[in-house]
C-alpha atoms as a PDB file:
ATOM      1  CA  UNK A   1      41.404  48.681 -78.987  1.00  0.00           C
ATOM      2  CA  UNK A   2      42.416  45.819 -76.835  1.00  0.00           C
ATOM      3  CA  UNK A   3      39.995  42.716 -77.349  1.00  0.00           C
ATOM      4  CA  UNK A   4      37.895  42.209 -74.066  1.00  0.00           C
ATOM      5  CA  UNK A   5      37.170  38.798 -72.517  1.00  0.00           C
ATOM      6  CA  UNK A   6      33.846  37.748 -71.344  1.00  0.00           C
ATOM      7  CA  UNK A   7      33.647  34.447 -70.002  1.00  0.00           C
ATOM      8  CA  UNK A   8      30.596  33.000 -68.480  1.00  0.00           C
ATOM      9  CA  UNK A   9      30.544  29.575 -66.967  1.00  0.00           C
ATOM     10  CA  UNK A  10      28.103  26.912 -65.724  1.00  0.00           C
ATOM     11  CA  UNK A  11      28.464  25.395 -62.384  1.00  0.00           C
ATOM     12  CA  UNK A  12      28.818  25.859 -58.495  1.00  0.00           C
ATOM     13  CA  UNK A  13      31.767  28.694 -58.075  1.00  0.00           C
ATOM     14  CA  UNK A  14      33.148  26.740 -55.216  1.00  0.00           C
ATOM     15  CA  UNK A  15      34.075  23.911 -57.836  1.00  0.00           C
ATOM     16  CA  UNK A  16      34.601  26.407 -61.209  1.00  0.00           C
ATOM     17  CA  UNK A  17      37.064  28.667 -59.116  1.00  0.00           C
ATOM     18  CA  UNK A  18      39.364  26.086 -58.528  1.00  0.00           C
ATOM     19  CA  UNK A  19      40.458  26.083 -61.976  1.00  0.00           C
ATOM     20  CA  UNK A  20      41.536  29.891 -61.592  1.00  0.00           C
ATOM     21  CA  UNK A  21      45.015  30.781 -60.580  1.00  0.00           C
ATOM     22  CA  UNK A  22      45.541  32.806 -57.473  1.00  0.00           C
ATOM     23  CA  UNK A  23      44.981  36.600 -57.717  1.00  0.00           C
ATOM     24  CA  UNK A  24      43.094  36.519 -60.848  1.00  0.00           C
ATOM     25  CA  UNK A  25      40.568  39.195 -60.050  1.00  0.00           C
ATOM     26  CA  UNK A  26      40.461  42.651 -59.683  1.00  0.00           C
ATOM     27  CA  UNK A  27      36.989  43.338 -58.301  1.00  0.00           C
ATOM     28  CA  UNK A  28      34.499  40.558 -57.274  1.00  0.00           C
ATOM     29  CA  UNK A  29      30.804  41.795 -57.146  1.00  0.00           C
ATOM     30  CA  UNK A  30      28.014  39.666 -56.498  1.00  0.00           C
ATOM     31  CA  UNK A  31      24.695  39.066 -55.127  1.00  0.00           C
ATOM     32  CA  UNK A  32      23.885  35.560 -53.795  1.00  0.00           C
ATOM     33  CA  UNK A  33      20.970  33.825 -52.988  1.00  0.00           C
ATOM     34  CA  UNK A  34      19.784  34.797 -49.964  1.00  0.00           C
ATOM     35  CA  UNK A  35      18.716  32.539 -47.186  1.00  0.00           C
ATOM     36  CA  UNK A  36      15.382  30.766 -47.641  1.00  0.00           C
ATOM     37  CA  UNK A  37      15.481  32.487 -51.294  1.00  0.00           C
ATOM     38  CA  UNK A  38      15.298  31.008 -54.638  1.00  0.00           C
ATOM     39  CA  UNK A  39      14.638  27.345 -53.459  1.00  0.00           C
ATOM     40  CA  UNK A  40      13.488  25.931 -56.866  1.00  0.00           C
ATOM     41  CA  UNK A  41      16.730  27.066 -58.747  1.00  0.00           C
ATOM     42  CA  UNK A  42      19.559  27.497 -55.709  1.00  0.00           C
ATOM     43  CA  UNK A  43      17.994  24.995 -53.087  1.00  0.00           C
ATOM     44  CA  UNK A  44      17.239  27.616 -50.654  1.00  0.00           C
ATOM     45  CA  UNK A  45      20.006  27.430 -47.871  1.00  0.00           C
ATOM     46  CA  UNK A  46      18.478  28.029 -44.400  1.00  0.00           C
ATOM     47  CA  UNK A  47      19.637  30.835 -42.211  1.00  0.00           C
ATOM     48  CA  UNK A  48      21.333  28.514 -39.642  1.00  0.00           C
ATOM     49  CA  UNK A  49      23.109  26.918 -42.317  1.00  0.00           C
ATOM     50  CA  UNK A  50      24.097  30.094 -44.479  1.00  0.00           C
ATOM     51  CA  UNK A  51      27.058  31.136 -43.108  1.00  0.00           C
ATOM     52  CA  UNK A  52      28.987  27.395 -42.983  1.00  0.00           C
ATOM     53  CA  UNK A  53      27.715  27.262 -46.581  1.00  0.00           C
ATOM     54  CA  UNK A  54      28.940  30.470 -47.750  1.00  0.00           C
ATOM     55  CA  UNK A  55      32.528  30.719 -46.144  1.00  0.00           C
ATOM     56  CA  UNK A  56      33.456  27.670 -47.987  1.00  0.00           C
ATOM     57  CA  UNK A  57      32.889  30.163 -50.928  1.00  0.00           C
ATOM     58  CA  UNK A  58      34.571  33.073 -49.868  1.00  0.00           C
ATOM     59  CA  UNK A  59      37.906  31.171 -49.024  1.00  0.00           C
ATOM     60  CA  UNK A  60      37.726  30.510 -52.554  1.00  0.00           C
ATOM     61  CA  UNK A  61      37.064  34.437 -53.536  1.00  0.00           C
ATOM     62  CA  UNK A  62      39.822  35.415 -51.070  1.00  0.00           C
ATOM     63  CA  UNK A  63      42.350  33.450 -53.381  1.00  0.00           C
ATOM     64  CA  UNK A  64      41.552  34.650 -56.453  1.00  0.00           C
ATOM     65  CA  UNK A  65      41.195  38.088 -55.505  1.00  0.00           C
ATOM     66  CA  UNK A  66      44.242  40.492 -56.076  1.00  0.00           C
ATOM     67  CA  UNK A  67      45.950  41.807 -52.984  1.00  0.00           C
ATOM     68  CA  UNK A  68      44.591  45.129 -53.908  1.00  0.00           C
ATOM     69  CA  UNK A  69      41.267  44.185 -54.871  1.00  0.00           C
ATOM     70  CA  UNK A  70      37.700  44.551 -53.494  1.00  0.00           C
ATOM     71  CA  UNK A  71      34.716  42.179 -52.985  1.00  0.00           C
ATOM     72  CA  UNK A  72      31.182  43.509 -53.020  1.00  0.00           C
ATOM     73  CA  UNK A  73      28.707  41.613 -51.666  1.00  0.00           C
ATOM     74  CA  UNK A  74      25.197  42.474 -51.967  1.00  0.00           C
ATOM     75  CA  UNK A  75      22.944  40.767 -49.396  1.00  0.00           C
ATOM     76  CA  UNK A  76      20.086  40.984 -47.024  1.00  0.00           C
ATOM     77  CA  UNK A  77      19.024  39.426 -43.840  1.00  0.00           C
ATOM     78  CA  UNK A  78      15.624  38.289 -43.651  1.00  0.00           C
ATOM     79  CA  UNK A  79      13.033  38.068 -40.743  1.00  0.00           C
ATOM     80  CA  UNK A  80      12.211  35.008 -38.826  1.00  0.00           C
ATOM     81  CA  UNK A  81      10.046  34.215 -36.099  1.00  0.00           C
ATOM     82  CA  UNK A  82       9.463  38.120 -36.110  1.00  0.00           C
ATOM     83  CA  UNK A  83      12.711  39.145 -35.591  1.00  0.00           C
ATOM     84  CA  UNK A  84      15.861  39.879 -37.802  1.00  0.00           C
ATOM     85  CA  UNK A  85      18.140  37.036 -38.297  1.00  0.00           C
ATOM     86  CA  UNK A  86      21.777  37.725 -37.321  1.00  0.00           C
ATOM     87  CA  UNK A  87      23.074  35.517 -40.584  1.00  0.00           C
ATOM     88  CA  UNK A  88      24.699  38.724 -42.116  1.00  0.00           C
ATOM     89  CA  UNK A  89      26.033  39.961 -38.975  1.00  0.00           C
ATOM     90  CA  UNK A  90      27.723  36.444 -38.072  1.00  0.00           C
ATOM     91  CA  UNK A  91      29.141  36.071 -41.845  1.00  0.00           C
ATOM     92  CA  UNK A  92      31.043  39.416 -41.552  1.00  0.00           C
ATOM     93  CA  UNK A  93      32.482  38.271 -38.082  1.00  0.00           C
ATOM     94  CA  UNK A  94      33.617  34.918 -39.753  1.00  0.00           C
ATOM     95  CA  UNK A  95      34.793  36.528 -42.908  1.00  0.00           C
ATOM     96  CA  UNK A  96      37.160  38.671 -40.659  1.00  0.00           C
ATOM     97  CA  UNK A  97      38.443  35.295 -39.288  1.00  0.00           C
ATOM     98  CA  UNK A  98      39.178  34.225 -42.821  1.00  0.00           C
ATOM     99  CA  UNK A  99      41.421  37.323 -43.051  1.00  0.00           C
ATOM    100  CA  UNK A 100      39.089  39.517 -44.825  1.00  0.00           C
ATOM    101  CA  UNK A 101      38.974  43.245 -44.005  1.00  0.00           C
ATOM    102  CA  UNK A 102      35.323  44.824 -43.522  1.00  0.00           C
ATOM    103  CA  UNK A 103      36.587  48.022 -45.235  1.00  0.00           C
ATOM    104  CA  UNK A 104      32.863  49.729 -45.592  1.00  0.00           C
ATOM    105  CA  UNK A 105      29.223  49.425 -46.035  1.00  0.00           C
ATOM    106  CA  UNK A 106      27.501  50.818 -48.668  1.00  0.00           C
ATOM    107  CA  UNK A 107      23.541  51.198 -48.668  1.00  0.00           C
ATOM    108  CA  UNK A 108      21.527  50.630 -51.892  1.00  0.00           C
ATOM    109  CA  UNK A 109      18.200  52.643 -51.374  1.00  0.00           C
ATOM    110  CA  UNK A 110      15.610  51.364 -53.758  1.00  0.00           C
ATOM    111  CA  UNK A 111      14.037  54.587 -54.547  1.00  0.00           C
ATOM    112  CA  UNK A 112      11.290  53.082 -56.403  1.00  0.00           C
ATOM    113  CA  UNK A 113      10.325  50.586 -53.690  1.00  0.00           C
ATOM    114  CA  UNK A 114       6.679  50.158 -53.654  1.00  0.00           C
ATOM    115  CA  UNK A 115       4.612  50.476 -49.945  1.00  0.00           C
ATOM    116  CA  UNK A 116       4.071  47.451 -47.768  1.00  0.00           C
ATOM    117  CA  UNK A 117       3.904  46.339 -44.277  1.00  0.00           C
ATOM    118  CA  UNK A 118       3.830  43.151 -41.718  1.00  0.00           C
ATOM    119  CA  UNK A 119       2.379  43.275 -38.140  1.00  0.00           C
ATOM    120  CA  UNK A 120       5.555  44.452 -36.800  1.00  0.00           C
ATOM    121  CA  UNK A 121       7.698  46.362 -39.676  1.00  0.00           C
ATOM    122  CA  UNK A 122       7.355  47.942 -42.879  1.00  0.00           C
ATOM    123  CA  UNK A 123       8.538  47.153 -46.259  1.00  0.00           C
ATOM    124  CA  UNK A 124      12.470  46.914 -46.871  1.00  0.00           C
ATOM    125  CA  UNK A 125      13.450  49.816 -49.020  1.00  0.00           C
ATOM    126  CA  UNK A 126      17.333  49.035 -48.929  1.00  0.00           C
ATOM    127  CA  UNK A 127      19.635  46.444 -49.062  1.00  0.00           C
ATOM    128  CA  UNK A 128      23.801  46.080 -48.081  1.00  0.00           C
ATOM    129  CA  UNK A 129      26.696  46.321 -50.231  1.00  0.00           C
ATOM    130  CA  UNK A 130      29.289  44.769 -48.118  1.00  0.00           C
ATOM    131  CA  UNK A 131      32.756  45.794 -48.918  1.00  0.00           C
ATOM    132  CA  UNK A 132      35.658  43.463 -47.986  1.00  0.00           C
ATOM    133  CA  UNK A 133      39.252  43.802 -48.733  1.00  0.00           C
ATOM    134  CA  UNK A 134      42.382  41.421 -48.605  1.00  0.00           C
ATOM    135  CA  UNK A 135      44.551  44.633 -47.707  1.00  0.00           C
ATOM    136  CA  UNK A 136      44.108  47.916 -46.555  1.00  0.00           C
ATOM    137  CA  UNK A 137      45.918  49.384 -49.851  1.00  0.00           C
ATOM    138  CA  UNK A 138      43.583  48.768 -52.342  1.00  0.00           C
ATOM    139  CA  UNK A 139      42.691  50.133 -55.748  1.00  0.00           C
ATOM    140  CA  UNK A 140      39.977  52.761 -55.902  1.00  0.00           C
ATOM    141  CA  UNK A 141      39.100  55.319 -58.203  1.00  0.00           C
ATOM    142  CA  UNK A 142      36.921  58.090 -56.391  1.00  0.00           C
ATOM    143  CA  UNK A 143      37.072  60.688 -59.099  1.00  0.00           C
ATOM    144  CA  UNK A 144      35.041  58.208 -61.278  1.00  0.00           C
ATOM    145  CA  UNK A 145      31.787  58.217 -59.009  1.00  0.00           C
ATOM    146  CA  UNK A 146      31.727  61.817 -58.343  1.00  0.00           C
ATOM    147  CA  UNK A 147      28.134  63.657 -58.710  1.00  0.00           C
ATOM    148  CA  UNK A 148      27.086  67.127 -59.603  1.00  0.00           C
ATOM    149  CA  UNK A 149      27.499  69.551 -56.726  1.00  0.00           C
ATOM    150  CA  UNK A 150      23.423  70.066 -56.831  1.00  0.00           C
ATOM    151  CA  UNK A 151      21.280  73.057 -56.786  1.00  0.00           C
ATOM    152  CA  UNK A 152      21.811  73.993 -52.983  1.00  0.00           C
ATOM    153  CA  UNK A 153      25.315  75.796 -54.205  1.00  0.00           C
ATOM    154  CA  UNK A 154      23.260  78.009 -56.176  1.00  0.00           C
ATOM    155  CA  UNK A 155      22.009  80.011 -52.747  1.00  0.00           C
ATOM    156  CA  UNK A 156      24.112  78.276 -50.356  1.00  0.00           C
ATOM    157  CA  UNK A 157      27.161  79.479 -51.464  1.00  0.00           C
ATOM    158  CA  UNK A 158      26.183  82.947 -53.209  1.00  0.00           C
ATOM    159  CA  UNK A 159      26.761  84.798 -50.013  1.00  0.00           C
ATOM    160  CA  UNK A 160      29.120  83.311 -47.281  1.00  0.00           C
ATOM    161  CA  UNK A 161      29.054  84.519 -43.967  1.00  0.00           C
ATOM    162  CA  UNK A 162      31.887  84.808 -41.361  1.00  0.00           C
ATOM    163  CA  UNK A 163      31.377  81.293 -40.262  1.00  0.00           C
ATOM    164  CA  UNK A 164      31.895  79.834 -43.508  1.00  0.00           C
ATOM    165  CA  UNK A 165      35.228  80.732 -44.197  1.00  0.00           C
ATOM    166  CA  UNK A 166      36.622  79.005 -41.483  1.00  0.00           C
ATOM    167  CA  UNK A 167      36.204  75.514 -40.001  1.00  0.00           C
ATOM    168  CA  UNK A 168      33.210  76.391 -37.837  1.00  0.00           C
ATOM    169  CA  UNK A 169      31.936  73.849 -35.306  1.00  0.00           C
ATOM    170  CA  UNK A 170      28.356  72.957 -35.625  1.00  0.00           C
ATOM    171  CA  UNK A 171      25.975  74.841 -33.159  1.00  0.00           C
ATOM    172  CA  UNK A 172      24.516  71.624 -32.143  1.00  0.00           C
ATOM    173  CA  UNK A 173      27.544  70.871 -30.199  1.00  0.00           C
ATOM    174  CA  UNK A 174      27.998  67.680 -32.455  1.00  0.00           C
ATOM    175  CA  UNK A 175      32.005  68.245 -32.363  1.00  0.00           C
ATOM    176  CA  UNK A 176      31.887  68.170 -36.531  1.00  0.00           C
ATOM    177  CA  UNK A 177      33.427  71.434 -38.241  1.00  0.00           C
ATOM    178  CA  UNK A 178      33.191  72.158 -42.060  1.00  0.00           C
ATOM    179  CA  UNK A 179      34.573  74.927 -44.156  1.00  0.00           C
ATOM    180  CA  UNK A 180      31.825  76.167 -46.479  1.00  0.00           C
ATOM    181  CA  UNK A 181      34.158  77.999 -48.667  1.00  0.00           C
ATOM    182  CA  UNK A 182      36.005  75.004 -49.684  1.00  0.00           C
ATOM    183  CA  UNK A 183      32.939  74.191 -52.118  1.00  0.00           C
ATOM    184  CA  UNK A 184      33.273  77.301 -53.907  1.00  0.00           C
ATOM    185  CA  UNK A 185      33.924  77.020 -57.884  1.00  0.00           C
ATOM    186  CA  UNK A 186      33.617  73.078 -57.588  1.00  0.00           C
ATOM    187  CA  UNK A 187      30.936  71.436 -60.012  1.00  0.00           C
ATOM    188  CA  UNK A 188      31.528  67.956 -58.811  1.00  0.00           C
ATOM    189  CA  UNK A 189      31.244  66.470 -55.363  1.00  0.00           C
ATOM    190  CA  UNK A 190      32.033  63.220 -53.843  1.00  0.00           C
ATOM    191  CA  UNK A 191      28.975  60.991 -53.260  1.00  0.00           C
ATOM    192  CA  UNK A 192      27.977  59.453 -49.781  1.00  0.00           C
ATOM    193  CA  UNK A 193      27.899  55.481 -49.327  1.00  0.00           C
ATOM    194  CA  UNK A 194      24.108  55.742 -49.847  1.00  0.00           C
ATOM    195  CA  UNK A 195      23.531  54.641 -53.316  1.00  0.00           C
ATOM    196  CA  UNK A 196      20.208  55.487 -54.869  1.00  0.00           C
ATOM    197  CA  UNK A 197      19.079  53.249 -57.819  1.00  0.00           C
ATOM    198  CA  UNK A 198      15.742  52.153 -58.852  1.00  0.00           C
ATOM    199  CA  UNK A 199      15.200  48.479 -58.940  1.00  0.00           C
ATOM    200  CA  UNK A 200      14.777  47.049 -62.322  1.00  0.00           C
ATOM    201  CA  UNK A 201      11.576  44.368 -63.018  1.00  0.00           C
ATOM    202  CA  UNK A 202      12.151  44.186 -66.928  1.00  0.00           C
ATOM    203  CA  UNK A 203      13.730  40.793 -66.394  1.00  0.00           C
ATOM    204  CA  UNK A 204      10.945  38.522 -66.081  1.00  0.00           C
ATOM    205  CA  UNK A 205      12.821  35.242 -66.440  1.00  0.00           C
ATOM    206  CA  UNK A 206      15.138  35.984 -63.254  1.00  0.00           C
ATOM    207  CA  UNK A 207      13.370  37.067 -59.933  1.00  0.00           C
ATOM    208  CA  UNK A 208      16.046  38.812 -58.268  1.00  0.00           C
ATOM    209  CA  UNK A 209      17.801  41.071 -61.006  1.00  0.00           C
ATOM    210  CA  UNK A 210      19.832  44.035 -59.434  1.00  0.00           C
ATOM    211  CA  UNK A 211      20.030  47.087 -61.447  1.00  0.00           C
ATOM    212  CA  UNK A 212      22.645  47.382 -63.844  1.00  0.00           C
ATOM    213  CA  UNK A 213      23.631  50.907 -62.122  1.00  0.00           C
ATOM    214  CA  UNK A 214      24.789  49.097 -59.160  1.00  0.00           C
ATOM    215  CA  UNK A 215      27.654  47.066 -60.653  1.00  0.00           C
ATOM    216  CA  UNK A 216      28.310  49.563 -63.229  1.00  0.00           C
ATOM    217  CA  UNK A 217      29.249  52.083 -59.990  1.00  0.00           C
ATOM    218  CA  UNK A 218      30.792  49.634 -58.366  1.00  0.00           C
ATOM    219  CA  UNK A 219      33.161  48.672 -61.515  1.00  0.00           C
ATOM    220  CA  UNK A 220      34.036  52.581 -61.975  1.00  0.00           C
ATOM    221  CA  UNK A 221      35.196  52.904 -58.281  1.00  0.00           C
ATOM    222  CA  UNK A 222      37.413  50.104 -57.787  1.00  0.00           C
ATOM    223  CA  UNK A 223      38.748  48.690 -61.560  1.00  0.00           C
ATOM    224  CA  UNK A 224      40.082  50.722 -64.462  1.00  0.00           C
ATOM    225  CA  UNK A 225      39.709  49.806 -68.253  1.00  0.00           C
ATOM    226  CA  UNK A 226      40.645  45.880 -68.833  1.00  0.00           C
ATOM    227  CA  UNK A 227      40.847  45.040 -65.354  1.00  0.00           C
ATOM    228  CA  UNK A 228      39.041  41.618 -64.176  1.00  0.00           C
ATOM    229  CA  UNK A 229      35.584  41.193 -63.088  1.00  0.00           C
ATOM    230  CA  UNK A 230      34.104  38.427 -61.261  1.00  0.00           C
ATOM    231  CA  UNK A 231      30.509  37.669 -60.554  1.00  0.00           C
ATOM    232  CA  UNK A 232      30.172  34.027 -58.945  1.00  0.00           C
ATOM    233  CA  UNK A 233      26.565  33.993 -58.947  1.00  0.00           C
ATOM    234  CA  UNK A 234      25.804  35.716 -62.056  1.00  0.00           C
ATOM    235  CA  UNK A 235      21.996  34.993 -62.474  1.00  0.00           C
ATOM    236  CA  UNK A 236      20.711  36.861 -65.829  1.00  0.00           C
ATOM    237  CA  UNK A 237      24.325  38.350 -66.356  1.00  0.00           C
ATOM    238  CA  UNK A 238      23.982  42.057 -65.394  1.00  0.00           C
ATOM    239  CA  UNK A 239      27.565  42.310 -64.116  1.00  0.00           C
ATOM    240  CA  UNK A 240      29.238  40.910 -67.014  1.00  0.00           C
ATOM    241  CA  UNK A 241      26.916  43.031 -69.304  1.00  0.00           C
ATOM    242  CA  UNK A 242      27.962  46.239 -67.411  1.00  0.00           C
ATOM    243  CA  UNK A 243      31.794  45.159 -67.471  1.00  0.00           C
ATOM    244  CA  UNK A 244      32.188  44.978 -71.151  1.00  0.00           C
ATOM    245  CA  UNK A 245      30.080  48.088 -71.566  1.00  0.00           C
ATOM    246  CA  UNK A 246      32.924  49.750 -69.251  1.00  0.00           C
ATOM    247  CA  UNK A 247      35.667  47.980 -71.266  1.00  0.00           C
ATOM    248  CA  UNK A 248      36.755  45.296 -68.382  1.00  0.00           C
ATOM    249  CA  UNK A 249      37.149  41.831 -68.589  1.00  0.00           C
ATOM    250  CA  UNK A 250      34.819  39.554 -66.836  1.00  0.00           C
ATOM    251  CA  UNK A 251      33.903  35.932 -65.764  1.00  0.00           C
ATOM    252  CA  UNK A 252      30.393  35.113 -64.857  1.00  0.00           C
ATOM    253  CA  UNK A 253      29.558  31.880 -62.979  1.00  0.00           C
ATOM    254  CA  UNK A 254      26.260  30.681 -62.364  1.00  0.00           C
ATOM    255  CA  UNK A 255      24.527  26.950 -61.511  1.00  0.00           C
ATOM    256  CA  UNK A 256      21.342  27.536 -63.480  1.00  0.00           C
ATOM    257  CA  UNK A 257      21.600  26.605 -67.292  1.00  0.00           C
ATOM    258  CA  UNK A 258      18.745  28.697 -68.350  1.00  0.00           C
ATOM    259  CA  UNK A 259      20.485  31.827 -66.645  1.00  0.00           C
ATOM    260  CA  UNK A 260      23.848  30.925 -68.133  1.00  0.00           C
ATOM    261  CA  UNK A 261      21.930  30.906 -71.477  1.00  0.00           C
ATOM    262  CA  UNK A 262      20.380  34.259 -70.370  1.00  0.00           C
ATOM    263  CA  UNK A 263      23.735  35.565 -69.682  1.00  0.00           C
ATOM    264  CA  UNK A 264      25.599  34.903 -72.651  1.00  0.00           C
ATOM    265  CA  UNK A 265      22.876  35.986 -74.927  1.00  0.00           C
ATOM    266  CA  UNK A 266      23.017  39.330 -73.128  1.00  0.00           C
ATOM    267  CA  UNK A 267      26.429  39.829 -73.529  1.00  0.00           C
ATOM    268  CA  UNK A 268      26.155  39.275 -77.322  1.00  0.00           C
ATOM    269  CA  UNK A 269      23.617  41.807 -77.612  1.00  0.00           C
ATOM    270  CA  UNK A 270      25.789  44.087 -75.986  1.00  0.00           C
ATOM    271  CA  UNK A 271      28.631  43.046 -77.939  1.00  0.00           C
ATOM    272  CA  UNK A 272      26.597  43.680 -81.196  1.00  0.00           C
ATOM    273  CA  UNK A 273      25.210  47.086 -80.055  1.00  0.00           C
ATOM    274  CA  UNK A 274      28.502  48.457 -79.261  1.00  0.00           C
ATOM    275  CA  UNK A 275      30.210  47.382 -82.367  1.00  0.00           C
ATOM    276  CA  UNK A 276      27.430  49.009 -84.542  1.00  0.00           C
ATOM    277  CA  UNK A 277      28.177  52.207 -82.509  1.00  0.00           C
ATOM    278  CA  UNK A 278      31.522  51.913 -83.207  1.00  0.00           C
ATOM    279  CA  UNK A 279      31.123  51.445 -87.116  1.00  0.00           C
ATOM    280  CA  UNK A 280      28.481  54.324 -87.114  1.00  0.00           C
ATOM    281  CA  UNK A 281      30.747  56.695 -85.261  1.00  0.00           C
ATOM    282  CA  UNK A 282      34.343  55.262 -85.834  1.00  0.00           C
END
């Protein structure tokens, strides 16, 4: 087995990444501090200043990402004065001017989100995961994230009608067609771009931990074993933890000393558990 590298650094990713050569990483996945969020730890960048602040960093991300790599940005706009702020949309447009391709948008549905409301809206139960690339030809391993077909095949495919064995256009007049018989005999299917992951609240020392299942899914989709993964806003270390478990090299950067210590501890614990597992079953 090859030796894995997990390098967790303290500092502003804008400065830390300047020490890395061009085209270093296969995947960048991160959840930066959102506008006006985590003020005590990250300064709370205002919505009106957010795009300018983040573009300096995406310029470095572009440089260190490999030509066939992918950048996944988990981000969510906030409401200001009773309406949605547009800083996420503005950021997308400005990143395209930098040379990024806005290839896809995944939606993370927080399936265990608790109820809530404000005078003119309900609680958000989703966040964006924006996919950016440097080229239209990027690495993608779709078979790695296939899901079971589900119980519907037991009834829907049990008896096919005449319209199920041809490309039959929908009766709704939508213009979409499908051949249901193509699914006969299949056990697995490709997922949609809506990801159903529960939020994780077990980590009381970090206010915005995303579930490990989220970076795991994208790491499986866009990298292979021993590729390099970067999280420039590492937080409590979830991305590096997931990368190690999936046999990927990783670099994590965060400006908060306590989070860096926490991340290093988490990765050490994973290394120990996997080592013990290898001894037990090796």
